[in-house]
Amino acid sequence: MKVDSLSLEVVPPVSCEDCGLCCVGIGSPVLLYQSQPHAQGPHPCRPEGLPVELIEEIDDRFLGLARGQEPQAQCLWYDAEMKRCRHYEWRPQICRDYELGGTACLLRRQQE
């Protein structure tokens, strides 16, 4: 007797709420917002109006490091208890470009 495997439709996620998988194991994209002591003019990556306390938090943790040198466990702004970004409205462009239900998102969810 031949048994056909079932094909189930993959239902993409409809929200990032209670997930945070894209924030874990990737380092801290917010490192891109660190101060650049020798640079002049506006910061090339940091959004205009980023609160001083967030800049100080980033600089305290990362000043002098380049992207990839930071601890890789989770993003600095990731709240593991709430499973979300603590400063979502200020997240870097790389985080904004991470598509809900996109290939990378679905792969991370399958790995979990």
PDB file of N, CA and C in Angstrom:
ATOM      1  N   MET A   1       0.846  -1.172   0.000  1.00  0.00           N
ATOM      2  CA  MET A   1       0.000   0.000   0.000  1.00  0.00           C
ATOM      3  C   MET A   1       0.893   1.236   0.000  1.00  0.00           C
ATOM      4  N   LYS A   2       0.664   2.126  -0.896  1.00  0.00           N
ATOM      5  CA  LYS A   2       1.452   3.353  -1.013  1.00  0.00           C
ATOM      6  C   LYS A   2       0.763   4.473  -0.238  1.00  0.00           C
ATOM      7  N   VAL A   3       1.546   5.123   0.604  1.00  0.00           N
ATOM      8  CA  VAL A   3       0.998   6.237   1.382  1.00  0.00           C
ATOM      9  C   VAL A   3       1.594   7.525   0.837  1.00  0.00           C
ATOM     10  N   ASP A   4       0.728   8.436   0.423  1.00  0.00           N
ATOM     11  CA  ASP A   4       1.182   9.735  -0.066  1.00  0.00           C
ATOM     12  C   ASP A   4       1.428  10.658   1.113  1.00  0.00           C
ATOM     13  N   SER A   5       2.505  11.404   1.033  1.00  0.00           N
ATOM     14  CA  SER A   5       2.757  12.370   2.104  1.00  0.00           C
ATOM     15  C   SER A   5       1.799  13.544   1.941  1.00  0.00           C
ATOM     16  N   LEU A   6       1.405  14.070   3.042  1.00  0.00           N
ATOM     17  CA  LEU A   6       0.493  15.207   3.031  1.00  0.00           C
ATOM     18  C   LEU A   6       1.272  16.493   2.835  1.00  0.00           C
ATOM     19  N   SER A   7       0.736  17.374   2.061  1.00  0.00           N
ATOM     20  CA  SER A   7       1.316  18.700   1.899  1.00  0.00           C
ATOM     21  C   SER A   7       0.443  19.674   2.665  1.00  0.00           C
ATOM     22  N   LEU A   8       1.038  20.266   3.662  1.00  0.00           N
ATOM     23  CA  LEU A   8       0.304  21.240   4.444  1.00  0.00           C
ATOM     24  C   LEU A   8       0.736  22.639   4.041  1.00  0.00           C
ATOM     25  N   GLU A   9      -0.226  23.512   3.941  1.00  0.00           N
ATOM     26  CA  GLU A   9       0.073  24.891   3.609  1.00  0.00           C
ATOM     27  C   GLU A   9       0.733  25.555   4.812  1.00  0.00           C
ATOM     28  N   VAL A  10       1.815  26.261   4.549  1.00  0.00           N
ATOM     29  CA  VAL A  10       2.492  27.001   5.599  1.00  0.00           C
ATOM     30  C   VAL A  10       1.777  28.336   5.762  1.00  0.00           C
ATOM     31  N   VAL A  11       1.271  28.569   6.946  1.00  0.00           N
ATOM     32  CA  VAL A  11       0.572  29.816   7.221  1.00  0.00           C
ATOM     33  C   VAL A  11       1.578  30.813   7.776  1.00  0.00           C
ATOM     34  N   PRO A  12       1.810  31.891   7.053  1.00  0.00           N
ATOM     35  CA  PRO A  12       2.802  32.856   7.525  1.00  0.00           C
ATOM     36  C   PRO A  12       2.323  33.567   8.789  1.00  0.00           C
ATOM     37  N   PRO A  13       3.260  34.012   9.612  1.00  0.00           N
ATOM     38  CA  PRO A  13       2.882  34.739  10.825  1.00  0.00           C
ATOM     39  C   PRO A  13       2.223  36.063  10.457  1.00  0.00           C
ATOM     40  N   VAL A  14       1.341  36.524  11.317  1.00  0.00           N
ATOM     41  CA  VAL A  14       0.650  37.786  11.064  1.00  0.00           C
ATOM     42  C   VAL A  14       1.156  38.911  11.964  1.00  0.00           C
ATOM     43  N   SER A  15       2.034  38.567  12.914  1.00  0.00           N
ATOM     44  CA  SER A  15       2.529  39.565  13.852  1.00  0.00           C
ATOM     45  C   SER A  15       3.906  39.158  14.371  1.00  0.00           C
ATOM     46  N   CYS A  16       4.661  40.149  14.800  1.00  0.00           N
ATOM     47  CA  CYS A  16       5.951  39.913  15.452  1.00  0.00           C
ATOM     48  C   CYS A  16       5.790  39.756  16.960  1.00  0.00           C
ATOM     49  N   GLU A  17       4.590  40.019  17.461  1.00  0.00           N
ATOM     50  CA  GLU A  17       4.345  39.949  18.898  1.00  0.00           C
ATOM     51  C   GLU A  17       4.717  38.592  19.457  1.00  0.00           C
ATOM     52  N   ASP A  18       5.366  38.609  20.602  1.00  0.00           N
ATOM     53  CA  ASP A  18       5.729  37.399  21.330  1.00  0.00           C
ATOM     54  C   ASP A  18       6.640  36.464  20.529  1.00  0.00           C
ATOM     55  N   CYS A  19       7.520  37.053  19.727  1.00  0.00           N
ATOM     56  CA  CYS A  19       8.454  36.242  18.940  1.00  0.00           C
ATOM     57  C   CYS A  19       9.887  36.636  19.290  1.00  0.00           C
ATOM     58  N   GLY A  20      10.442  37.623  18.608  1.00  0.00           N
ATOM     59  CA  GLY A  20      11.790  38.098  18.884  1.00  0.00           C
ATOM     60  C   GLY A  20      12.908  37.233  18.345  1.00  0.00           C
ATOM     61  N   LEU A  21      12.586  36.213  17.541  1.00  0.00           N
ATOM     62  CA  LEU A  21      13.635  35.332  17.038  1.00  0.00           C
ATOM     63  C   LEU A  21      14.668  36.074  16.195  1.00  0.00           C
ATOM     64  N   CYS A  22      14.249  37.119  15.520  1.00  0.00           N
ATOM     65  CA  CYS A  22      15.196  37.874  14.694  1.00  0.00           C
ATOM     66  C   CYS A  22      16.146  38.713  15.546  1.00  0.00           C
ATOM     67  N   CYS A  23      15.889  38.831  16.840  1.00  0.00           N
ATOM     68  CA  CYS A  23      16.726  39.625  17.751  1.00  0.00           C
ATOM     69  C   CYS A  23      17.741  38.777  18.505  1.00  0.00           C
ATOM     70  N   VAL A  24      17.647  37.467  18.357  1.00  0.00           N
ATOM     71  CA  VAL A  24      18.481  36.553  19.126  1.00  0.00           C
ATOM     72  C   VAL A  24      19.540  35.929  18.221  1.00  0.00           C
ATOM     73  N   GLY A  25      20.774  35.907  18.701  1.00  0.00           N
ATOM     74  CA  GLY A  25      21.855  35.262  17.965  1.00  0.00           C
ATOM     75  C   GLY A  25      22.374  36.059  16.789  1.00  0.00           C
ATOM     76  N   ILE A  26      22.088  37.360  16.770  1.00  0.00           N
ATOM     77  CA  ILE A  26      22.495  38.177  15.634  1.00  0.00           C
ATOM     78  C   ILE A  26      23.387  39.338  16.026  1.00  0.00           C
ATOM     79  N   GLY A  27      23.764  39.407  17.284  1.00  0.00           N
ATOM     80  CA  GLY A  27      24.505  40.578  17.732  1.00  0.00           C
ATOM     81  C   GLY A  27      23.545  41.715  17.989  1.00  0.00           C
ATOM     82  N   SER A  28      24.021  42.941  17.839  1.00  0.00           N
ATOM     83  CA  SER A  28      23.193  44.115  18.102  1.00  0.00           C
ATOM     84  C   SER A  28      23.255  45.085  16.935  1.00  0.00           C
ATOM     85  N   PRO A  29      22.271  45.056  16.064  1.00  0.00           N
ATOM     86  CA  PRO A  29      22.266  46.027  14.963  1.00  0.00           C
ATOM     87  C   PRO A  29      22.347  47.474  15.446  1.00  0.00           C
ATOM     88  N   VAL A  30      21.902  47.747  16.688  1.00  0.00           N
ATOM     89  CA  VAL A  30      21.957  49.113  17.200  1.00  0.00           C
ATOM     90  C   VAL A  30      23.385  49.599  17.400  1.00  0.00           C
ATOM     91  N   LEU A  31      24.360  48.708  17.338  1.00  0.00           N
ATOM     92  CA  LEU A  31      25.767  49.110  17.386  1.00  0.00           C
ATOM     93  C   LEU A  31      26.059  50.119  16.280  1.00  0.00           C
ATOM     94  N   LEU A  32      25.305  50.068  15.186  1.00  0.00           N
ATOM     95  CA  LEU A  32      25.491  50.997  14.074  1.00  0.00           C
ATOM     96  C   LEU A  32      25.237  52.440  14.496  1.00  0.00           C
ATOM     97  N   TYR A  33      24.537  52.620  15.622  1.00  0.00           N
ATOM     98  CA  TYR A  33      24.205  53.955  16.108  1.00  0.00           C
ATOM     99  C   TYR A  33      25.256  54.525  17.052  1.00  0.00           C
ATOM    100  N   GLN A  34      26.329  53.795  17.325  1.00  0.00           N
ATOM    101  CA  GLN A  34      27.326  54.291  18.283  1.00  0.00           C
ATOM    102  C   GLN A  34      27.955  55.583  17.777  1.00  0.00           C
ATOM    103  N   SER A  35      28.466  56.365  18.712  1.00  0.00           N
ATOM    104  CA  SER A  35      29.121  57.627  18.367  1.00  0.00           C
ATOM    105  C   SER A  35      30.377  57.358  17.550  1.00  0.00           C
ATOM    106  N   GLN A  36      30.651  58.259  16.656  1.00  0.00           N
ATOM    107  CA  GLN A  36      31.860  58.179  15.842  1.00  0.00           C
ATOM    108  C   GLN A  36      32.704  59.412  16.162  1.00  0.00           C
ATOM    109  N   PRO A  37      33.616  59.272  17.129  1.00  0.00           N
ATOM    110  CA  PRO A  37      34.338  60.434  17.671  1.00  0.00           C
ATOM    111  C   PRO A  37      35.029  61.324  16.630  1.00  0.00           C
ATOM    112  N   HIS A  38      35.521  60.768  15.550  1.00  0.00           N
ATOM    113  CA  HIS A  38      36.274  61.562  14.578  1.00  0.00           C
ATOM    114  C   HIS A  38      35.427  62.020  13.394  1.00  0.00           C
ATOM    115  N   ALA A  39      34.184  61.605  13.344  1.00  0.00           N
ATOM    116  CA  ALA A  39      33.320  61.972  12.222  1.00  0.00           C
ATOM    117  C   ALA A  39      32.764  63.379  12.417  1.00  0.00           C
ATOM    118  N   GLN A  40      32.551  64.058  11.320  1.00  0.00           N
ATOM    119  CA  GLN A  40      31.931  65.385  11.356  1.00  0.00           C
ATOM    120  C   GLN A  40      30.612  65.318  10.613  1.00  0.00           C
ATOM    121  N   GLY A  41      29.704  66.161  10.986  1.00  0.00           N
ATOM    122  CA  GLY A  41      28.395  66.195  10.344  1.00  0.00           C
ATOM    123  C   GLY A  41      27.450  65.194  10.983  1.00  0.00           C
ATOM    124  N   PRO A  42      26.282  65.040  10.384  1.00  0.00           N
ATOM    125  CA  PRO A  42      25.286  64.130  10.972  1.00  0.00           C
ATOM    126  C   PRO A  42      25.739  62.674  10.905  1.00  0.00           C
ATOM    127  N   HIS A  43      25.304  61.895  11.856  1.00  0.00           N
ATOM    128  CA  HIS A  43      25.644  60.470  11.907  1.00  0.00           C
ATOM    129  C   HIS A  43      25.027  59.786  10.682  1.00  0.00           C
ATOM    130  N   PRO A  44      25.789  58.967   9.962  1.00  0.00           N
ATOM    131  CA  PRO A  44      25.278  58.365   8.724  1.00  0.00           C
ATOM    132  C   PRO A  44      24.186  57.306   8.932  1.00  0.00           C
ATOM    133  N   CYS A  45      24.087  56.708  10.109  1.00  0.00           N
ATOM    134  CA  CYS A  45      23.124  55.624  10.325  1.00  0.00           C
ATOM    135  C   CYS A  45      22.073  55.949  11.378  1.00  0.00           C
ATOM    136  N   ARG A  46      22.413  56.780  12.314  1.00  0.00           N
ATOM    137  CA  ARG A  46      21.539  57.041  13.452  1.00  0.00           C
ATOM    138  C   ARG A  46      20.366  57.941  13.054  1.00  0.00           C
ATOM    139  N   PRO A  47      19.146  57.581  13.473  1.00  0.00           N
ATOM    140  CA  PRO A  47      17.998  58.421  13.135  1.00  0.00           C
ATOM    141  C   PRO A  47      18.057  59.761  13.862  1.00  0.00           C
ATOM    142  N   GLU A  48      17.600  60.788  13.189  1.00  0.00           N
ATOM    143  CA  GLU A  48      17.551  62.112  13.793  1.00  0.00           C
ATOM    144  C   GLU A  48      16.611  62.066  15.001  1.00  0.00           C
ATOM    145  N   GLY A  49      17.044  62.658  16.098  1.00  0.00           N
ATOM    146  CA  GLY A  49      16.207  62.697  17.287  1.00  0.00           C
ATOM    147  C   GLY A  49      16.373  61.523  18.236  1.00  0.00           C
ATOM    148  N   LEU A  50      17.311  60.605  17.928  1.00  0.00           N
ATOM    149  CA  LEU A  50      17.533  59.471  18.828  1.00  0.00           C
ATOM    150  C   LEU A  50      17.851  60.013  20.222  1.00  0.00           C
ATOM    151  N   PRO A  51      17.083  59.611  21.233  1.00  0.00           N
ATOM    152  CA  PRO A  51      17.277  60.157  22.581  1.00  0.00           C
ATOM    153  C   PRO A  51      18.699  59.942  23.104  1.00  0.00           C
ATOM    154  N   VAL A  52      19.202  60.946  23.810  1.00  0.00           N
ATOM    155  CA  VAL A  52      20.563  60.922  24.352  1.00  0.00           C
ATOM    156  C   VAL A  52      20.780  59.698  25.233  1.00  0.00           C
ATOM    157  N   GLU A  53      19.794  59.324  26.040  1.00  0.00           N
ATOM    158  CA  GLU A  53      19.982  58.172  26.922  1.00  0.00           C
ATOM    159  C   GLU A  53      20.174  56.867  26.135  1.00  0.00           C
ATOM    160  N   LEU A  54      19.583  56.767  24.947  1.00  0.00           N
ATOM    161  CA  LEU A  54      19.795  55.574  24.123  1.00  0.00           C
ATOM    162  C   LEU A  54      21.189  55.602  23.495  1.00  0.00           C
ATOM    163  N   ILE A  55      21.627  56.773  23.074  1.00  0.00           N
ATOM    164  CA  ILE A  55      22.987  56.913  22.530  1.00  0.00           C
ATOM    165  C   ILE A  55      24.006  56.539  23.603  1.00  0.00           C
ATOM    166  N   GLU A  56      23.800  57.026  24.806  1.00  0.00           N
ATOM    167  CA  GLU A  56      24.716  56.715  25.902  1.00  0.00           C
ATOM    168  C   GLU A  56      24.718  55.223  26.219  1.00  0.00           C
ATOM    169  N   GLU A  57      23.547  54.583  26.195  1.00  0.00           N
ATOM    170  CA  GLU A  57      23.463  53.141  26.447  1.00  0.00           C
ATOM    171  C   GLU A  57      24.274  52.367  25.402  1.00  0.00           C
ATOM    172  N   ILE A  58      24.130  52.757  24.160  1.00  0.00           N
ATOM    173  CA  ILE A  58      24.857  52.100  23.062  1.00  0.00           C
ATOM    174  C   ILE A  58      26.366  52.340  23.193  1.00  0.00           C
ATOM    175  N   ASP A  59      26.741  53.592  23.420  1.00  0.00           N
ATOM    176  CA  ASP A  59      28.165  53.921  23.541  1.00  0.00           C
ATOM    177  C   ASP A  59      28.801  53.231  24.736  1.00  0.00           C
ATOM    178  N   ASP A  60      28.089  53.169  25.863  1.00  0.00           N
ATOM    179  CA  ASP A  60      28.626  52.492  27.050  1.00  0.00           C
ATOM    180  C   ASP A  60      28.930  51.027  26.749  1.00  0.00           C
ATOM    181  N   ARG A  61      28.124  50.412  25.926  1.00  0.00           N
ATOM    182  CA  ARG A  61      28.270  48.986  25.633  1.00  0.00           C
ATOM    183  C   ARG A  61      29.234  48.715  24.483  1.00  0.00           C
ATOM    184  N   PHE A  62      29.242  49.599  23.470  1.00  0.00           N
ATOM    185  CA  PHE A  62      29.895  49.247  22.208  1.00  0.00           C
ATOM    186  C   PHE A  62      30.985  50.189  21.699  1.00  0.00           C
ATOM    187  N   LEU A  63      31.211  51.322  22.348  1.00  0.00           N
ATOM    188  CA  LEU A  63      32.159  52.277  21.790  1.00  0.00           C
ATOM    189  C   LEU A  63      33.508  51.603  21.510  1.00  0.00           C
ATOM    190  N   GLY A  64      33.965  51.760  20.296  1.00  0.00           N
ATOM    191  CA  GLY A  64      35.234  51.168  19.882  1.00  0.00           C
ATOM    192  C   GLY A  64      35.086  49.834  19.169  1.00  0.00           C
ATOM    193  N   LEU A  65      33.893  49.231  19.211  1.00  0.00           N
ATOM    194  CA  LEU A  65      33.676  47.955  18.522  1.00  0.00           C
ATOM    195  C   LEU A  65      33.106  48.196  17.134  1.00  0.00           C
ATOM    196  N   ALA A  66      33.407  47.296  16.221  1.00  0.00           N
ATOM    197  CA  ALA A  66      32.810  47.309  14.885  1.00  0.00           C
ATOM    198  C   ALA A  66      31.723  46.240  14.844  1.00  0.00           C
ATOM    199  N   ARG A  67      30.821  46.368  13.903  1.00  0.00           N
ATOM    200  CA  ARG A  67      29.749  45.389  13.737  1.00  0.00           C
ATOM    201  C   ARG A  67      30.364  43.999  13.609  1.00  0.00           C
ATOM    202  N   GLY A  68      29.873  43.049  14.364  1.00  0.00           N
ATOM    203  CA  GLY A  68      30.390  41.689  14.374  1.00  0.00           C
ATOM    204  C   GLY A  68      31.306  41.413  15.560  1.00  0.00           C
ATOM    205  N   GLN A  69      31.775  42.467  16.207  1.00  0.00           N
ATOM    206  CA  GLN A  69      32.632  42.295  17.376  1.00  0.00           C
ATOM    207  C   GLN A  69      31.842  42.287  18.679  1.00  0.00           C
ATOM    208  N   GLU A  70      30.593  42.680  18.614  1.00  0.00           N
ATOM    209  CA  GLU A  70      29.759  42.712  19.814  1.00  0.00           C
ATOM    210  C   GLU A  70      29.324  41.304  20.201  1.00  0.00           C
ATOM    211  N   PRO A  71      28.908  41.094  21.451  1.00  0.00           N
ATOM    212  CA  PRO A  71      28.391  39.782  21.837  1.00  0.00           C
ATOM    213  C   PRO A  71      27.230  39.396  20.918  1.00  0.00           C
ATOM    214  N   GLN A  72      27.179  38.130  20.512  1.00  0.00           N
ATOM    215  CA  GLN A  72      26.203  37.687  19.519  1.00  0.00           C
ATOM    216  C   GLN A  72      24.927  37.092  20.115  1.00  0.00           C
ATOM    217  N   ALA A  73      24.850  36.990  21.444  1.00  0.00           N
ATOM    218  CA  ALA A  73      23.714  36.301  22.067  1.00  0.00           C
ATOM    219  C   ALA A  73      22.370  36.912  21.696  1.00  0.00           C
ATOM    220  N   GLN A  74      22.240  38.228  21.842  1.00  0.00           N
ATOM    221  CA  GLN A  74      20.983  38.889  21.495  1.00  0.00           C
ATOM    222  C   GLN A  74      21.246  40.376  21.362  1.00  0.00           C
ATOM    223  N   CYS A  75      20.346  41.068  20.729  1.00  0.00           N
ATOM    224  CA  CYS A  75      20.464  42.508  20.559  1.00  0.00           C
ATOM    225  C   CYS A  75      20.375  43.209  21.913  1.00  0.00           C
ATOM    226  N   LEU A  76      21.111  44.289  22.055  1.00  0.00           N
ATOM    227  CA  LEU A  76      21.105  45.087  23.278  1.00  0.00           C
ATOM    228  C   LEU A  76      19.689  45.506  23.660  1.00  0.00           C
ATOM    229  N   TRP A  77      18.873  45.811  22.696  1.00  0.00           N
ATOM    230  CA  TRP A  77      17.525  46.317  22.974  1.00  0.00           C
ATOM    231  C   TRP A  77      16.473  45.225  23.084  1.00  0.00           C
ATOM    232  N   TYR A  78      16.858  43.982  22.949  1.00  0.00           N
ATOM    233  CA  TYR A  78      15.879  42.887  23.024  1.00  0.00           C
ATOM    234  C   TYR A  78      15.477  42.627  24.471  1.00  0.00           C
ATOM    235  N   ASP A  79      14.189  42.610  24.715  1.00  0.00           N
ATOM    236  CA  ASP A  79      13.627  42.292  26.033  1.00  0.00           C
ATOM    237  C   ASP A  79      13.183  40.830  25.978  1.00  0.00           C
ATOM    238  N   ALA A  80      13.971  39.937  26.572  1.00  0.00           N
ATOM    239  CA  ALA A  80      13.710  38.500  26.503  1.00  0.00           C
ATOM    240  C   ALA A  80      12.414  38.103  27.202  1.00  0.00           C
ATOM    241  N   GLU A  81      12.056  38.819  28.253  1.00  0.00           N
ATOM    242  CA  GLU A  81      10.825  38.492  28.973  1.00  0.00           C
ATOM    243  C   GLU A  81       9.589  38.823  28.136  1.00  0.00           C
ATOM    244  N   MET A  82       9.601  39.984  27.512  1.00  0.00           N
ATOM    245  CA  MET A  82       8.457  40.416  26.692  1.00  0.00           C
ATOM    246  C   MET A  82       8.552  39.911  25.244  1.00  0.00           C
ATOM    247  N   LYS A  83       9.734  39.414  24.864  1.00  0.00           N
ATOM    248  CA  LYS A  83      10.012  38.926  23.509  1.00  0.00           C
ATOM    249  C   LYS A  83       9.742  39.998  22.448  1.00  0.00           C
ATOM    250  N   ARG A  84      10.371  41.139  22.682  1.00  0.00           N
ATOM    251  CA  ARG A  84      10.230  42.241  21.728  1.00  0.00           C
ATOM    252  C   ARG A  84      11.338  43.267  21.933  1.00  0.00           C
ATOM    253  N   CYS A  85      11.438  44.177  20.995  1.00  0.00           N
ATOM    254  CA  CYS A  85      12.417  45.257  21.064  1.00  0.00           C
ATOM    255  C   CYS A  85      11.952  46.297  22.084  1.00  0.00           C
ATOM    256  N   ARG A  86      12.873  46.704  22.957  1.00  0.00           N
ATOM    257  CA  ARG A  86      12.539  47.711  23.965  1.00  0.00           C
ATOM    258  C   ARG A  86      12.373  49.102  23.351  1.00  0.00           C
ATOM    259  N   HIS A  87      12.971  49.334  22.191  1.00  0.00           N
ATOM    260  CA  HIS A  87      12.920  50.658  21.551  1.00  0.00           C
ATOM    261  C   HIS A  87      12.574  50.496  20.072  1.00  0.00           C
ATOM    262  N   TYR A  88      11.492  49.786  19.818  1.00  0.00           N
ATOM    263  CA  TYR A  88      11.083  49.422  18.462  1.00  0.00           C
ATOM    264  C   TYR A  88      11.034  50.630  17.524  1.00  0.00           C
ATOM    265  N   GLU A  89      10.545  51.750  18.014  1.00  0.00           N
ATOM    266  CA  GLU A  89      10.398  52.936  17.157  1.00  0.00           C
ATOM    267  C   GLU A  89      11.748  53.490  16.700  1.00  0.00           C
ATOM    268  N   TRP A  90      12.834  53.110  17.385  1.00  0.00           N
ATOM    269  CA  TRP A  90      14.175  53.594  17.040  1.00  0.00           C
ATOM    270  C   TRP A  90      15.033  52.504  16.395  1.00  0.00           C
ATOM    271  N   ARG A  91      14.465  51.359  16.066  1.00  0.00           N
ATOM    272  CA  ARG A  91      15.258  50.255  15.524  1.00  0.00           C
ATOM    273  C   ARG A  91      15.956  50.662  14.217  1.00  0.00           C
ATOM    274  N   PRO A  92      17.118  50.079  13.967  1.00  0.00           N
ATOM    275  CA  PRO A  92      17.871  50.397  12.748  1.00  0.00           C
ATOM    276  C   PRO A  92      17.162  49.910  11.476  1.00  0.00           C
ATOM    277  N   GLN A  93      17.608  50.415  10.360  1.00  0.00           N
ATOM    278  CA  GLN A  93      17.004  50.056   9.067  1.00  0.00           C
ATOM    279  C   GLN A  93      17.087  48.557   8.807  1.00  0.00           C
ATOM    280  N   ILE A  94      18.195  47.918   9.211  1.00  0.00           N
ATOM    281  CA  ILE A  94      18.335  46.484   8.985  1.00  0.00           C
ATOM    282  C   ILE A  94      17.204  45.709   9.672  1.00  0.00           C
ATOM    283  N   CYS A  95      16.768  46.201  10.811  1.00  0.00           N
ATOM    284  CA  CYS A  95      15.646  45.564  11.516  1.00  0.00           C
ATOM    285  C   CYS A  95      14.324  45.876  10.811  1.00  0.00           C
ATOM    286  N   ARG A  96      14.203  47.076  10.296  1.00  0.00           N
ATOM    287  CA  ARG A  96      12.982  47.470   9.574  1.00  0.00           C
ATOM    288  C   ARG A  96      12.830  46.659   8.286  1.00  0.00           C
ATOM    289  N   ASP A  97      13.963  46.286   7.698  1.00  0.00           N
ATOM    290  CA  ASP A  97      13.934  45.545   6.440  1.00  0.00           C
ATOM    291  C   ASP A  97      13.660  44.056   6.630  1.00  0.00           C
ATOM    292  N   TYR A  98      13.765  43.564   7.860  1.00  0.00           N
ATOM    293  CA  TYR A  98      13.522  42.156   8.142  1.00  0.00           C
ATOM    294  C   TYR A  98      12.026  41.906   7.980  1.00  0.00           C
ATOM    295  N   GLU A  99      11.663  41.200   6.942  1.00  0.00           N
ATOM    296  CA  GLU A  99      10.260  41.068   6.551  1.00  0.00           C
ATOM    297  C   GLU A  99       9.519  39.998   7.351  1.00  0.00           C
ATOM    298  N   LEU A 100       8.447  40.406   8.002  1.00  0.00           N
ATOM    299  CA  LEU A 100       7.574  39.463   8.696  1.00  0.00           C
ATOM    300  C   LEU A 100       7.037  38.463   7.677  1.00  0.00           C
ATOM    301  N   GLY A 101       7.268  37.181   7.915  1.00  0.00           N
ATOM    302  CA  GLY A 101       6.804  36.140   7.007  1.00  0.00           C
ATOM    303  C   GLY A 101       7.704  35.933   5.801  1.00  0.00           C
ATOM    304  N   GLY A 102       8.822  36.681   5.750  1.00  0.00           N
ATOM    305  CA  GLY A 102       9.770  36.522   4.656  1.00  0.00           C
ATOM    306  C   GLY A 102      10.608  35.264   4.860  1.00  0.00           C
ATOM    307  N   THR A 103      11.472  34.977   3.926  1.00  0.00           N
ATOM    308  CA  THR A 103      12.288  33.768   3.966  1.00  0.00           C
ATOM    309  C   THR A 103      13.083  33.649   5.261  1.00  0.00           C
ATOM    310  N   ALA A 104      13.799  34.705   5.649  1.00  0.00           N
ATOM    311  CA  ALA A 104      14.614  34.656   6.866  1.00  0.00           C
ATOM    312  C   ALA A 104      13.748  34.452   8.099  1.00  0.00           C
ATOM    313  N   CYS A 105      12.630  35.125   8.155  1.00  0.00           N
ATOM    314  CA  CYS A 105      11.702  35.001   9.289  1.00  0.00           C
ATOM    315  C   CYS A 105      11.192  33.567   9.413  1.00  0.00           C
ATOM    316  N   LEU A 106      10.749  32.996   8.317  1.00  0.00           N
ATOM    317  CA  LEU A 106      10.203  31.633   8.356  1.00  0.00           C
ATOM    318  C   LEU A 106      11.278  30.605   8.697  1.00  0.00           C
ATOM    319  N   LEU A 107      12.495  30.801   8.196  1.00  0.00           N
ATOM    320  CA  LEU A 107      13.589  29.886   8.538  1.00  0.00           C
ATOM    321  C   LEU A 107      13.894  29.919  10.025  1.00  0.00           C
ATOM    322  N   ARG A 108      13.947  31.123  10.599  1.00  0.00           N
ATOM    323  CA  ARG A 108      14.196  31.238  12.048  1.00  0.00           C
ATOM    324  C   ARG A 108      13.091  30.562  12.845  1.00  0.00           C
ATOM    325  N   ARG A 109      11.861  30.701  12.416  1.00  0.00           N
ATOM    326  CA  ARG A 109      10.732  30.094  13.127  1.00  0.00           C
ATOM    327  C   ARG A 109      10.771  28.569  13.024  1.00  0.00           C
ATOM    328  N   GLN A 110      11.214  28.041  11.875  1.00  0.00           N
ATOM    329  CA  GLN A 110      11.321  26.585  11.699  1.00  0.00           C
ATOM    330  C   GLN A 110      12.414  26.003  12.580  1.00  0.00           C
ATOM    331  N   GLN A 111      13.491  26.768  12.783  1.00  0.00           N
ATOM    332  CA  GLN A 111      14.618  26.303  13.593  1.00  0.00           C
ATOM    333  C   GLN A 111      14.258  26.236  15.069  1.00  0.00           C
ATOM    334  N   GLU A 112      13.270  26.977  15.479  1.00  0.00           N
ATOM    335  CA  GLU A 112      12.904  27.051  16.886  1.00  0.00           C
ATOM    336  C   GLU A 112      12.133  25.871  17.350  1.00  0.00           C
TER     337      GLU A 112
END
